[in-house]
Amino acid sequence: MTPAESGGSRGRPDEAPFRRIVVVGAGAIGSLYAAHLAREAEVWVLVRRPEHAGALTAKGLSVSGKSSFCATLHATSEASELPPFDAAIVATKANDVGAAAEALRGHSEHAVVMTCQNGLGADEILADAGPWPILSAVTFMSGTKHDDCQVEYELDAPTWLGPSTVRPASAAAGRLLADLLRRGGLRAEAFDDVRPALWSKLIFNATVNSLSALTRLPHDRHFRMEDELTDLGHLARALVDEGKAVAAAAGVELHEDPWEMNLEAVRRGETARGSYRHLPSMLADIRAGRPTEVDFITGSLVREGQARGVPVPLHLCLWRLVKGLEESYLHGAP
């Protein structure tokens, strides 16, 4: 039975429109969702800082790059100020999903809530905090925040979404939200069973993010090169193959080949105009001295492999190395 067959919107009519949407988190991805959705619905953004909320309310949210407009929306740093809503998008880092779930606790229990974190595990955290029907999503779009009220839309790649395996929303709700995203100007595709898409992105992320974090390289030509014995592409391909073996053992037929996704992303970077160079999220975290999402990305793939008896020595090695690198700057190792 697929998630779409086993779930429903639990009290919310499947075809009811999403008129008011809350976006939790206003980093680059959250800002892109909020601004584009505000063209089609009433949007509230829940942020951490009162001054951030005040600036968004007063000035709006300006988008440049692939889109160019200024969105009018509502913002608050106090979850208690949120009005009842039809849908919410949790657009925080994976490490912050717990705090986001607690902020939403007690609000709009029939609303559909969508997670869009890297890796696995966000849905379980959200389900522990409230009864909402859940959509799972991954996104390939990227952007850069220039300040609290300005975001640049750099890579117009899709969001893949569908019913979660944890208290699933209906497939119809997923299609409605995907349509709303498209009408707002973003790319989105809804699936009745989103697991093949989630796993494709998981394997891609576990490979690219971990390698980028450890080598300090952006996602560029090094990730496809296999001419010399020392070329990084050999390791990238071997990591993808480990991930594919885990997916096969889990009974998941991948939506896209993660190796081809890697090659396509490198090509996009090489042909992009201007100075665009894709910086994987783990490398951005390391440069900023923040905890990475490695436990949700590489760690999730390792745990899935161990649960199914599939050896994943390369991913386990990278997980340990990234955790060691985190230790060196988070806890003051000399």
C-alpha atoms as a PDB file:
ATOM      1  CA  MET A   1       0.000   0.000   0.000  1.00  0.00           C
ATOM      2  CA  THR A   2       1.386   3.395  -0.954  1.00  0.00           C
ATOM      3  CA  PRO A   3       1.277   6.411   1.379  1.00  0.00           C
ATOM      4  CA  ALA A   4      -1.370   7.926  -0.889  1.00  0.00           C
ATOM      5  CA  GLU A   5      -3.601   4.885  -0.425  1.00  0.00           C
ATOM      6  CA  SER A   6      -3.170   4.654   3.341  1.00  0.00           C
ATOM      7  CA  GLY A   7      -3.726   8.264   4.350  1.00  0.00           C
ATOM      8  CA  GLY A   8      -5.971  11.246   4.068  1.00  0.00           C
ATOM      9  CA  SER A   9      -6.184  14.838   5.169  1.00  0.00           C
ATOM     10  CA  ARG A  10      -7.748  13.855   8.503  1.00  0.00           C
ATOM     11  CA  GLY A  11     -10.634  16.266   8.719  1.00  0.00           C
ATOM     12  CA  ARG A  12      -9.694  18.613   5.896  1.00  0.00           C
ATOM     13  CA  PRO A  13     -11.502  18.187   2.535  1.00  0.00           C
ATOM     14  CA  ASP A  14      -9.023  16.979  -0.096  1.00  0.00           C
ATOM     15  CA  GLU A  15     -10.008  19.653  -2.604  1.00  0.00           C
ATOM     16  CA  ALA A  16     -10.166  22.571  -0.145  1.00  0.00           C
ATOM     17  CA  PRO A  17      -7.853  25.353  -1.349  1.00  0.00           C
ATOM     18  CA  PHE A  18      -4.854  26.539   0.629  1.00  0.00           C
ATOM     19  CA  ARG A  19      -5.788  30.168   1.290  1.00  0.00           C
ATOM     20  CA  ARG A  20      -3.480  30.877   4.240  1.00  0.00           C
ATOM     21  CA  ILE A  21      -0.016  29.331   4.452  1.00  0.00           C
ATOM     22  CA  VAL A  22       2.615  29.549   7.177  1.00  0.00           C
ATOM     23  CA  VAL A  23       6.293  29.212   6.250  1.00  0.00           C
ATOM     24  CA  VAL A  24       8.478  28.338   9.231  1.00  0.00           C
ATOM     25  CA  GLY A  25      12.012  29.588   8.666  1.00  0.00           C
ATOM     26  CA  ALA A  26      13.142  32.361   6.349  1.00  0.00           C
ATOM     27  CA  GLY A  27      16.530  31.305   5.100  1.00  0.00           C
ATOM     28  CA  ALA A  28      17.054  31.271   1.351  1.00  0.00           C
ATOM     29  CA  ILE A  29      14.664  28.363   0.686  1.00  0.00           C
ATOM     30  CA  GLY A  30      11.984  29.516   3.112  1.00  0.00           C
ATOM     31  CA  SER A  31      12.168  33.026   1.674  1.00  0.00           C
ATOM     32  CA  LEU A  32      11.754  31.730  -1.883  1.00  0.00           C
ATOM     33  CA  TYR A  33       8.723  29.650  -0.887  1.00  0.00           C
ATOM     34  CA  ALA A  34       7.165  32.509   1.085  1.00  0.00           C
ATOM     35  CA  ALA A  35       7.642  35.188  -1.560  1.00  0.00           C
ATOM     36  CA  HIS A  36       6.367  33.110  -4.481  1.00  0.00           C
ATOM     37  CA  LEU A  37       3.407  31.679  -2.568  1.00  0.00           C
ATOM     38  CA  ALA A  38       2.423  35.197  -1.459  1.00  0.00           C
ATOM     39  CA  ARG A  39       1.517  35.863  -5.101  1.00  0.00           C
ATOM     40  CA  GLU A  40      -1.313  33.329  -4.792  1.00  0.00           C
ATOM     41  CA  ALA A  41      -2.232  33.084  -1.082  1.00  0.00           C
ATOM     42  CA  GLU A  42      -2.018  34.863   2.253  1.00  0.00           C
ATOM     43  CA  VAL A  43       1.400  33.998   3.666  1.00  0.00           C
ATOM     44  CA  TRP A  44       2.700  34.251   7.213  1.00  0.00           C
ATOM     45  CA  VAL A  45       6.389  33.718   7.959  1.00  0.00           C
ATOM     46  CA  LEU A  46       7.522  32.555  11.393  1.00  0.00           C
ATOM     47  CA  VAL A  47      11.074  33.765  12.097  1.00  0.00           C
ATOM     48  CA  ARG A  48      13.317  33.831  15.177  1.00  0.00           C
ATOM     49  CA  ARG A  49      14.103  37.535  15.501  1.00  0.00           C
ATOM     50  CA  PRO A  50      11.495  40.260  16.136  1.00  0.00           C
ATOM     51  CA  GLU A  51      13.481  42.738  14.022  1.00  0.00           C
ATOM     52  CA  HIS A  52      13.390  40.298  11.101  1.00  0.00           C
ATOM     53  CA  ALA A  53       9.614  39.988  11.405  1.00  0.00           C
ATOM     54  CA  GLY A  54       9.235  43.750  11.611  1.00  0.00           C
ATOM     55  CA  ALA A  55      11.347  44.338   8.518  1.00  0.00           C
ATOM     56  CA  LEU A  56       9.406  41.788   6.449  1.00  0.00           C
ATOM     57  CA  THR A  57       6.079  43.258   7.506  1.00  0.00           C
ATOM     58  CA  ALA A  58       7.182  46.813   6.741  1.00  0.00           C
ATOM     59  CA  LYS A  59       9.202  46.297   3.563  1.00  0.00           C
ATOM     60  CA  GLY A  60       8.007  43.019   2.085  1.00  0.00           C
ATOM     61  CA  LEU A  61      10.297  40.391   0.614  1.00  0.00           C
ATOM     62  CA  SER A  62      12.149  41.227  -2.606  1.00  0.00           C
ATOM     63  CA  VAL A  63      13.223  38.488  -5.025  1.00  0.00           C
ATOM     64  CA  SER A  64      15.884  38.912  -7.709  1.00  0.00           C
ATOM     65  CA  GLY A  65      17.545  36.549 -10.171  1.00  0.00           C
ATOM     66  CA  LYS A  66      15.259  33.978 -11.796  1.00  0.00           C
ATOM     67  CA  SER A  67      12.273  36.029 -10.561  1.00  0.00           C
ATOM     68  CA  SER A  68      12.038  39.757  -9.956  1.00  0.00           C
ATOM     69  CA  PHE A  69       9.284  41.127  -7.709  1.00  0.00           C
ATOM     70  CA  CYS A  70       8.497  42.270  -4.167  1.00  0.00           C
ATOM     71  CA  ALA A  71       6.020  40.192  -2.150  1.00  0.00           C
ATOM     72  CA  THR A  72       3.731  41.527   0.553  1.00  0.00           C
ATOM     73  CA  LEU A  73       3.324  39.124   3.454  1.00  0.00           C
ATOM     74  CA  HIS A  74       2.902  38.851   7.224  1.00  0.00           C
ATOM     75  CA  ALA A  75       5.686  37.911   9.616  1.00  0.00           C
ATOM     76  CA  THR A  76       6.060  37.239  13.327  1.00  0.00           C
ATOM     77  CA  SER A  77       8.610  35.833  15.740  1.00  0.00           C
ATOM     78  CA  GLU A  78       5.868  34.664  18.127  1.00  0.00           C
ATOM     79  CA  ALA A  79       4.053  31.456  17.209  1.00  0.00           C
ATOM     80  CA  SER A  80       1.179  32.532  19.457  1.00  0.00           C
ATOM     81  CA  GLU A  81       0.425  35.338  16.974  1.00  0.00           C
ATOM     82  CA  LEU A  82      -0.175  32.971  14.056  1.00  0.00           C
ATOM     83  CA  PRO A  83      -3.786  32.877  12.842  1.00  0.00           C
ATOM     84  CA  PRO A  84      -5.431  29.570  11.863  1.00  0.00           C
ATOM     85  CA  PHE A  85      -3.862  28.289   8.624  1.00  0.00           C
ATOM     86  CA  ASP A  86      -4.572  25.748   5.903  1.00  0.00           C
ATOM     87  CA  ALA A  87      -1.003  24.600   5.265  1.00  0.00           C
ATOM     88  CA  ALA A  88       2.469  25.064   6.666  1.00  0.00           C
ATOM     89  CA  ILE A  89       5.898  24.542   5.143  1.00  0.00           C
ATOM     90  CA  VAL A  90       8.724  23.757   7.545  1.00  0.00           C
ATOM     91  CA  ALA A  91      11.698  25.248   5.724  1.00  0.00           C
ATOM     92  CA  THR A  92      14.305  25.103   8.474  1.00  0.00           C
ATOM     93  CA  LYS A  93      17.529  23.124   8.533  1.00  0.00           C
ATOM     94  CA  ALA A  94      17.015  19.518   9.601  1.00  0.00           C
ATOM     95  CA  ASN A  95      18.645  20.259  12.966  1.00  0.00           C
ATOM     96  CA  ASP A  96      15.968  22.901  13.676  1.00  0.00           C
ATOM     97  CA  VAL A  97      12.878  20.837  12.824  1.00  0.00           C
ATOM     98  CA  GLY A  98      12.322  19.989  16.494  1.00  0.00           C
ATOM     99  CA  ALA A  99      12.082  23.661  17.434  1.00  0.00           C
ATOM    100  CA  ALA A 100       9.828  24.344  14.430  1.00  0.00           C
ATOM    101  CA  ALA A 101       7.524  21.478  15.401  1.00  0.00           C
ATOM    102  CA  GLU A 102       7.256  22.784  18.961  1.00  0.00           C
ATOM    103  CA  ALA A 103       6.405  26.252  17.627  1.00  0.00           C
ATOM    104  CA  LEU A 104       3.517  24.759  15.606  1.00  0.00           C
ATOM    105  CA  ARG A 105       2.285  22.551  18.461  1.00  0.00           C
ATOM    106  CA  GLY A 106      -1.389  23.249  19.177  1.00  0.00           C
ATOM    107  CA  HIS A 107      -1.988  25.192  15.947  1.00  0.00           C
ATOM    108  CA  SER A 108      -4.445  24.256  13.169  1.00  0.00           C
ATOM    109  CA  GLU A 109      -4.480  20.503  13.702  1.00  0.00           C
ATOM    110  CA  HIS A 110      -6.228  19.844  10.366  1.00  0.00           C
ATOM    111  CA  ALA A 111      -3.703  21.854   8.363  1.00  0.00           C
ATOM    112  CA  VAL A 112      -1.422  20.030   5.943  1.00  0.00           C
ATOM    113  CA  VAL A 113       2.239  20.412   6.906  1.00  0.00           C
ATOM    114  CA  MET A 114       5.087  19.888   4.430  1.00  0.00           C
ATOM    115  CA  THR A 115       8.670  19.113   5.367  1.00  0.00           C
ATOM    116  CA  CYS A 116      11.436  19.928   2.875  1.00  0.00           C
ATOM    117  CA  GLN A 117      14.652  19.041   4.680  1.00  0.00           C
ATOM    118  CA  ASN A 118      17.692  17.213   3.399  1.00  0.00           C
ATOM    119  CA  GLY A 119      17.922  13.581   4.458  1.00  0.00           C
ATOM    120  CA  LEU A 120      15.381  11.557   6.438  1.00  0.00           C
ATOM    121  CA  GLY A 121      13.781  11.930   9.860  1.00  0.00           C
ATOM    122  CA  ALA A 122      12.024  15.313   9.765  1.00  0.00           C
ATOM    123  CA  ASP A 123       8.563  13.757   9.354  1.00  0.00           C
ATOM    124  CA  GLU A 124       8.909  11.665  12.507  1.00  0.00           C
ATOM    125  CA  ILE A 125       9.931  14.719  14.539  1.00  0.00           C
ATOM    126  CA  LEU A 126       6.968  16.697  13.234  1.00  0.00           C
ATOM    127  CA  ALA A 127       4.503  13.850  13.843  1.00  0.00           C
ATOM    128  CA  ASP A 128       5.514  13.692  17.505  1.00  0.00           C
ATOM    129  CA  ALA A 129       4.483  17.328  18.008  1.00  0.00           C
ATOM    130  CA  GLY A 130       1.004  17.361  16.497  1.00  0.00           C
ATOM    131  CA  PRO A 131      -1.712  15.528  14.552  1.00  0.00           C
ATOM    132  CA  TRP A 132      -1.181  17.246  11.197  1.00  0.00           C
ATOM    133  CA  PRO A 133      -1.292  15.207   7.970  1.00  0.00           C
ATOM    134  CA  ILE A 134       2.180  15.435   6.448  1.00  0.00           C
ATOM    135  CA  LEU A 135       3.644  15.911   2.986  1.00  0.00           C
ATOM    136  CA  SER A 136       7.313  15.039   2.413  1.00  0.00           C
ATOM    137  CA  ALA A 137       9.338  17.097  -0.032  1.00  0.00           C
ATOM    138  CA  VAL A 138      12.828  17.719  -1.281  1.00  0.00           C
ATOM    139  CA  THR A 139      13.870  20.711  -3.309  1.00  0.00           C
ATOM    140  CA  PHE A 140      16.712  21.359  -5.725  1.00  0.00           C
ATOM    141  CA  MET A 141      16.207  25.107  -6.032  1.00  0.00           C
ATOM    142  CA  SER A 142      18.780  27.363  -4.437  1.00  0.00           C
ATOM    143  CA  GLY A 143      19.232  30.988  -3.586  1.00  0.00           C
ATOM    144  CA  THR A 144      21.203  33.488  -1.552  1.00  0.00           C
ATOM    145  CA  LYS A 145      19.814  35.783   1.123  1.00  0.00           C
ATOM    146  CA  HIS A 146      21.343  39.238   0.877  1.00  0.00           C
ATOM    147  CA  ASP A 147      19.532  40.574   3.944  1.00  0.00           C
ATOM    148  CA  ASP A 148      16.321  39.984   5.881  1.00  0.00           C
ATOM    149  CA  CYS A 149      14.180  41.348   3.059  1.00  0.00           C
ATOM    150  CA  GLN A 150      16.114  40.330  -0.074  1.00  0.00           C
ATOM    151  CA  VAL A 151      16.696  36.887  -1.577  1.00  0.00           C
ATOM    152  CA  GLU A 152      18.262  35.994  -4.916  1.00  0.00           C
ATOM    153  CA  TYR A 153      16.672  33.068  -6.785  1.00  0.00           C
ATOM    154  CA  GLU A 154      19.661  31.338  -8.381  1.00  0.00           C
ATOM    155  CA  LEU A 155      18.758  27.811  -9.451  1.00  0.00           C
ATOM    156  CA  ASP A 156      15.172  27.268 -10.643  1.00  0.00           C
ATOM    157  CA  ALA A 157      15.075  23.522 -10.033  1.00  0.00           C
ATOM    158  CA  PRO A 158      11.973  21.613  -8.868  1.00  0.00           C
ATOM    159  CA  THR A 159      10.467  20.671  -5.535  1.00  0.00           C
ATOM    160  CA  TRP A 160       9.338  17.034  -5.422  1.00  0.00           C
ATOM    161  CA  LEU A 161       6.539  16.350  -2.930  1.00  0.00           C
ATOM    162  CA  GLY A 162       3.992  13.743  -1.928  1.00  0.00           C
ATOM    163  CA  PRO A 163       2.328  11.985   1.026  1.00  0.00           C
ATOM    164  CA  SER A 164       4.676  11.160   3.859  1.00  0.00           C
ATOM    165  CA  THR A 165       5.033   7.588   5.079  1.00  0.00           C
ATOM    166  CA  VAL A 166       4.402   9.051   8.558  1.00  0.00           C
ATOM    167  CA  ARG A 167       0.749  10.132   8.954  1.00  0.00           C
ATOM    168  CA  PRO A 168       0.378  10.899   5.242  1.00  0.00           C
ATOM    169  CA  ALA A 169      -1.633  13.747   3.832  1.00  0.00           C
ATOM    170  CA  SER A 170      -3.638  12.838   0.764  1.00  0.00           C
ATOM    171  CA  ALA A 171      -2.140  12.755  -2.706  1.00  0.00           C
ATOM    172  CA  ALA A 172      -4.805  15.314  -3.680  1.00  0.00           C
ATOM    173  CA  ALA A 173      -3.449  17.739  -1.079  1.00  0.00           C
ATOM    174  CA  GLY A 174       0.021  17.263  -2.552  1.00  0.00           C
ATOM    175  CA  ARG A 175      -1.229  18.065  -6.022  1.00  0.00           C
ATOM    176  CA  LEU A 176      -2.988  21.197  -4.758  1.00  0.00           C
ATOM    177  CA  LEU A 177       0.161  22.481  -3.064  1.00  0.00           C
ATOM    178  CA  ALA A 178       2.329  21.665  -6.091  1.00  0.00           C
ATOM    179  CA  ASP A 179      -0.118  23.566  -8.306  1.00  0.00           C
ATOM    180  CA  LEU A 180      -0.012  26.548  -5.949  1.00  0.00           C
ATOM    181  CA  LEU A 181       3.788  26.559  -6.037  1.00  0.00           C
ATOM    182  CA  ARG A 182       3.766  26.466  -9.831  1.00  0.00           C
ATOM    183  CA  ARG A 183       1.217  29.292 -10.056  1.00  0.00           C
ATOM    184  CA  GLY A 184       3.445  31.314  -7.742  1.00  0.00           C
ATOM    185  CA  GLY A 185       6.360  30.896 -10.151  1.00  0.00           C
ATOM    186  CA  LEU A 186       8.285  27.927  -8.759  1.00  0.00           C
ATOM    187  CA  ARG A 187       8.803  24.478 -10.244  1.00  0.00           C
ATOM    188  CA  ALA A 188       7.075  21.619  -8.427  1.00  0.00           C
ATOM    189  CA  GLU A 189       6.006  18.033  -9.098  1.00  0.00           C
ATOM    190  CA  ALA A 190       3.602  15.988  -6.971  1.00  0.00           C
ATOM    191  CA  PHE A 191       3.869  12.205  -6.581  1.00  0.00           C
ATOM    192  CA  ASP A 192       1.403   9.674  -5.212  1.00  0.00           C
ATOM    193  CA  ASP A 193       4.456   7.859  -3.778  1.00  0.00           C
ATOM    194  CA  VAL A 194       7.324  10.282  -3.186  1.00  0.00           C
ATOM    195  CA  ARG A 195       9.776   7.737  -1.750  1.00  0.00           C
ATOM    196  CA  PRO A 196      11.612   7.122  -5.065  1.00  0.00           C
ATOM    197  CA  ALA A 197      12.212  10.873  -5.354  1.00  0.00           C
ATOM    198  CA  LEU A 198      13.253  11.237  -1.700  1.00  0.00           C
ATOM    199  CA  TRP A 199      15.721   8.386  -1.996  1.00  0.00           C
ATOM    200  CA  SER A 200      17.218   9.746  -5.211  1.00  0.00           C
ATOM    201  CA  LYS A 201      17.900  13.042  -3.445  1.00  0.00           C
ATOM    202  CA  LEU A 202      19.124  11.259  -0.282  1.00  0.00           C
ATOM    203  CA  ILE A 203      21.801   9.320  -2.177  1.00  0.00           C
ATOM    204  CA  PHE A 204      22.767  12.402  -4.202  1.00  0.00           C
ATOM    205  CA  ASN A 205      23.032  14.501  -1.030  1.00  0.00           C
ATOM    206  CA  ALA A 206      24.897  11.926   1.024  1.00  0.00           C
ATOM    207  CA  THR A 207      27.477  11.723  -1.762  1.00  0.00           C
ATOM    208  CA  VAL A 208      27.866  15.360  -2.766  1.00  0.00           C
ATOM    209  CA  ASN A 209      27.439  17.048   0.612  1.00  0.00           C
ATOM    210  CA  SER A 210      29.840  14.813   2.510  1.00  0.00           C
ATOM    211  CA  LEU A 211      32.531  15.027  -0.161  1.00  0.00           C
ATOM    212  CA  SER A 212      32.150  18.783  -0.434  1.00  0.00           C
ATOM    213  CA  ALA A 213      32.317  19.210   3.340  1.00  0.00           C
ATOM    214  CA  LEU A 214      35.553  17.235   3.572  1.00  0.00           C
ATOM    215  CA  THR A 215      37.317  18.585   0.470  1.00  0.00           C
ATOM    216  CA  ARG A 216      36.008  22.190   0.773  1.00  0.00           C
ATOM    217  CA  LEU A 217      35.199  22.036  -2.953  1.00  0.00           C
ATOM    218  CA  PRO A 218      31.969  23.469  -4.379  1.00  0.00           C
ATOM    219  CA  HIS A 219      29.940  21.054  -6.495  1.00  0.00           C
ATOM    220  CA  ASP A 220      32.023  21.349  -9.641  1.00  0.00           C
ATOM    221  CA  ARG A 221      33.887  19.292 -12.261  1.00  0.00           C
ATOM    222  CA  HIS A 222      35.897  17.427  -9.603  1.00  0.00           C
ATOM    223  CA  PHE A 223      32.795  15.389  -8.730  1.00  0.00           C
ATOM    224  CA  ARG A 224      32.584  13.869 -12.232  1.00  0.00           C
ATOM    225  CA  MET A 225      36.285  13.400 -13.121  1.00  0.00           C
ATOM    226  CA  GLU A 226      37.481   9.789 -13.398  1.00  0.00           C
ATOM    227  CA  ASP A 227      40.515  10.025 -15.691  1.00  0.00           C
ATOM    228  CA  GLU A 228      43.223   9.766 -13.049  1.00  0.00           C
ATOM    229  CA  LEU A 229      43.460   7.267 -10.203  1.00  0.00           C
ATOM    230  CA  THR A 230      43.201  10.115  -7.684  1.00  0.00           C
ATOM    231  CA  ASP A 231      40.170  11.807  -9.291  1.00  0.00           C
ATOM    232  CA  LEU A 232      37.261  12.443  -6.939  1.00  0.00           C
ATOM    233  CA  GLY A 233      34.688  11.099  -9.400  1.00  0.00           C
ATOM    234  CA  HIS A 234      35.752   7.521  -8.623  1.00  0.00           C
ATOM    235  CA  LEU A 235      34.782   7.973  -4.981  1.00  0.00           C
ATOM    236  CA  ALA A 236      31.571   9.815  -5.866  1.00  0.00           C
ATOM    237  CA  ARG A 237      30.481   6.952  -8.140  1.00  0.00           C
ATOM    238  CA  ALA A 238      31.303   4.334  -5.474  1.00  0.00           C
ATOM    239  CA  LEU A 239      29.287   6.246  -2.885  1.00  0.00           C
ATOM    240  CA  VAL A 240      26.317   6.422  -5.256  1.00  0.00           C
ATOM    241  CA  ASP A 241      26.567   2.673  -5.859  1.00  0.00           C
ATOM    242  CA  GLU A 242      26.486   2.006  -2.098  1.00  0.00           C
ATOM    243  CA  GLY A 243      23.375   4.152  -1.813  1.00  0.00           C
ATOM    244  CA  LYS A 244      21.684   2.379  -4.706  1.00  0.00           C
ATOM    245  CA  ALA A 245      22.266  -0.960  -2.991  1.00  0.00           C
ATOM    246  CA  VAL A 246      20.520   0.302   0.141  1.00  0.00           C
ATOM    247  CA  ALA A 247      17.580   1.637  -1.879  1.00  0.00           C
ATOM    248  CA  ALA A 248      17.229  -1.706  -3.653  1.00  0.00           C
ATOM    249  CA  ALA A 249      17.197  -3.536  -0.318  1.00  0.00           C
ATOM    250  CA  ALA A 250      14.498  -1.125   0.891  1.00  0.00           C
ATOM    251  CA  GLY A 251      12.392  -1.965  -2.159  1.00  0.00           C
ATOM    252  CA  VAL A 252      12.630   1.557  -3.580  1.00  0.00           C
ATOM    253  CA  GLU A 253      12.973   2.022  -7.329  1.00  0.00           C
ATOM    254  CA  LEU A 254      14.726   5.367  -7.691  1.00  0.00           C
ATOM    255  CA  HIS A 255      12.987   8.208  -9.509  1.00  0.00           C
ATOM    256  CA  GLU A 256      16.289   9.396 -10.998  1.00  0.00           C
ATOM    257  CA  ASP A 257      19.808   7.972 -11.078  1.00  0.00           C
ATOM    258  CA  PRO A 258      21.826   9.904  -8.430  1.00  0.00           C
ATOM    259  CA  TRP A 259      24.976   9.640 -10.566  1.00  0.00           C
ATOM    260  CA  GLU A 260      23.199  11.293 -13.493  1.00  0.00           C
ATOM    261  CA  MET A 261      21.834  13.894 -11.072  1.00  0.00           C
ATOM    262  CA  ASN A 262      25.423  14.603 -10.052  1.00  0.00           C
ATOM    263  CA  LEU A 263      26.551  14.996 -13.654  1.00  0.00           C
ATOM    264  CA  GLU A 264      23.598  17.239 -14.512  1.00  0.00           C
ATOM    265  CA  ALA A 265      24.223  19.489 -11.505  1.00  0.00           C
ATOM    266  CA  VAL A 266      27.884  19.871 -12.484  1.00  0.00           C
ATOM    267  CA  ARG A 267      26.863  20.722 -16.062  1.00  0.00           C
ATOM    268  CA  ARG A 268      24.411  23.335 -14.793  1.00  0.00           C
ATOM    269  CA  GLY A 269      27.186  24.970 -12.808  1.00  0.00           C
ATOM    270  CA  GLU A 270      29.584  24.932 -15.731  1.00  0.00           C
ATOM    271  CA  THR A 271      27.085  26.508 -18.123  1.00  0.00           C
ATOM    272  CA  ALA A 272      25.513  28.989 -15.689  1.00  0.00           C
ATOM    273  CA  ARG A 273      25.922  32.637 -16.474  1.00  0.00           C
ATOM    274  CA  GLY A 274      27.758  34.894 -14.075  1.00  0.00           C
ATOM    275  CA  SER A 275      29.630  33.646 -11.037  1.00  0.00           C
ATOM    276  CA  TYR A 276      27.141  30.991  -9.842  1.00  0.00           C
ATOM    277  CA  ARG A 277      28.886  28.052  -8.154  1.00  0.00           C
ATOM    278  CA  HIS A 278      26.735  25.655  -6.191  1.00  0.00           C
ATOM    279  CA  LEU A 279      27.841  25.469  -2.568  1.00  0.00           C
ATOM    280  CA  PRO A 280      26.430  22.303  -0.940  1.00  0.00           C
ATOM    281  CA  SER A 281      24.739  22.983   2.368  1.00  0.00           C
ATOM    282  CA  MET A 282      27.235  21.053   4.497  1.00  0.00           C
ATOM    283  CA  LEU A 283      30.131  23.073   3.109  1.00  0.00           C
ATOM    284  CA  ALA A 284      28.217  26.290   3.790  1.00  0.00           C
ATOM    285  CA  ASP A 285      27.662  25.124   7.376  1.00  0.00           C
ATOM    286  CA  ILE A 286      31.317  24.267   7.859  1.00  0.00           C
ATOM    287  CA  ARG A 287      32.458  27.605   6.487  1.00  0.00           C
ATOM    288  CA  ALA A 288      30.079  29.312   8.920  1.00  0.00           C
ATOM    289  CA  GLY A 289      31.123  27.161  11.882  1.00  0.00           C
ATOM    290  CA  ARG A 290      27.639  25.642  12.286  1.00  0.00           C
ATOM    291  CA  PRO A 291      26.563  22.046  12.958  1.00  0.00           C
ATOM    292  CA  THR A 292      25.931  20.244   9.672  1.00  0.00           C
ATOM    293  CA  GLU A 293      22.971  18.054   8.691  1.00  0.00           C
ATOM    294  CA  VAL A 294      25.229  15.022   8.280  1.00  0.00           C
ATOM    295  CA  ASP A 295      23.291  12.943  10.846  1.00  0.00           C
ATOM    296  CA  PHE A 296      20.087  13.370   8.801  1.00  0.00           C
ATOM    297  CA  ILE A 297      21.756  12.853   5.410  1.00  0.00           C
ATOM    298  CA  THR A 298      24.742  10.481   5.492  1.00  0.00           C
ATOM    299  CA  GLY A 299      23.760   9.159   8.907  1.00  0.00           C
ATOM    300  CA  SER A 300      20.281   8.264   7.641  1.00  0.00           C
ATOM    301  CA  LEU A 301      21.689   6.329   4.710  1.00  0.00           C
ATOM    302  CA  VAL A 302      24.080   4.429   6.980  1.00  0.00           C
ATOM    303  CA  ARG A 303      21.302   3.551   9.425  1.00  0.00           C
ATOM    304  CA  GLU A 304      19.070   2.368   6.572  1.00  0.00           C
ATOM    305  CA  GLY A 305      21.902   0.205   5.253  1.00  0.00           C
ATOM    306  CA  GLN A 306      22.623  -1.334   8.634  1.00  0.00           C
ATOM    307  CA  ALA A 307      18.928  -2.056   9.211  1.00  0.00           C
ATOM    308  CA  ARG A 308      18.825  -4.015   5.949  1.00  0.00           C
ATOM    309  CA  GLY A 309      22.186  -5.741   6.238  1.00  0.00           C
ATOM    310  CA  VAL A 310      23.748  -3.771   3.372  1.00  0.00           C
ATOM    311  CA  PRO A 311      27.410  -2.809   3.926  1.00  0.00           C
ATOM    312  CA  VAL A 312      28.047   0.932   3.522  1.00  0.00           C
ATOM    313  CA  PRO A 313      31.691   1.331   4.599  1.00  0.00           C
ATOM    314  CA  LEU A 314      32.346   4.409   2.452  1.00  0.00           C
ATOM    315  CA  HIS A 315      29.360   6.369   3.732  1.00  0.00           C
ATOM    316  CA  LEU A 316      30.136   5.296   7.303  1.00  0.00           C
ATOM    317  CA  CYS A 317      33.716   6.538   6.877  1.00  0.00           C
ATOM    318  CA  LEU A 318      32.531   9.923   5.550  1.00  0.00           C
ATOM    319  CA  TRP A 319      29.966  10.251   8.350  1.00  0.00           C
ATOM    320  CA  ARG A 320      32.697   9.727  10.946  1.00  0.00           C
ATOM    321  CA  LEU A 321      35.051  12.162   9.215  1.00  0.00           C
ATOM    322  CA  VAL A 322      32.444  14.931   8.988  1.00  0.00           C
ATOM    323  CA  LYS A 323      31.557  14.426  12.660  1.00  0.00           C
ATOM    324  CA  GLY A 324      35.261  14.698  13.498  1.00  0.00           C
ATOM    325  CA  LEU A 325      35.521  17.889  11.462  1.00  0.00           C
ATOM    326  CA  GLU A 326      32.517  19.327  13.322  1.00  0.00           C
ATOM    327  CA  GLU A 327      34.182  18.440  16.608  1.00  0.00           C
ATOM    328  CA  SER A 328      37.274  20.413  15.604  1.00  0.00           C
ATOM    329  CA  TYR A 329      35.415  23.722  15.387  1.00  0.00           C
ATOM    330  CA  LEU A 330      32.311  23.260  17.548  1.00  0.00           C
ATOM    331  CA  HIS A 331      34.107  22.138  20.688  1.00  0.00           C
ATOM    332  CA  GLY A 332      37.392  23.943  20.440  1.00  0.00           C
ATOM    333  CA  ALA A 333      39.781  21.162  19.464  1.00  0.00           C
ATOM    334  CA  PRO A 334      43.271  22.641  18.974  1.00  0.00           C
END
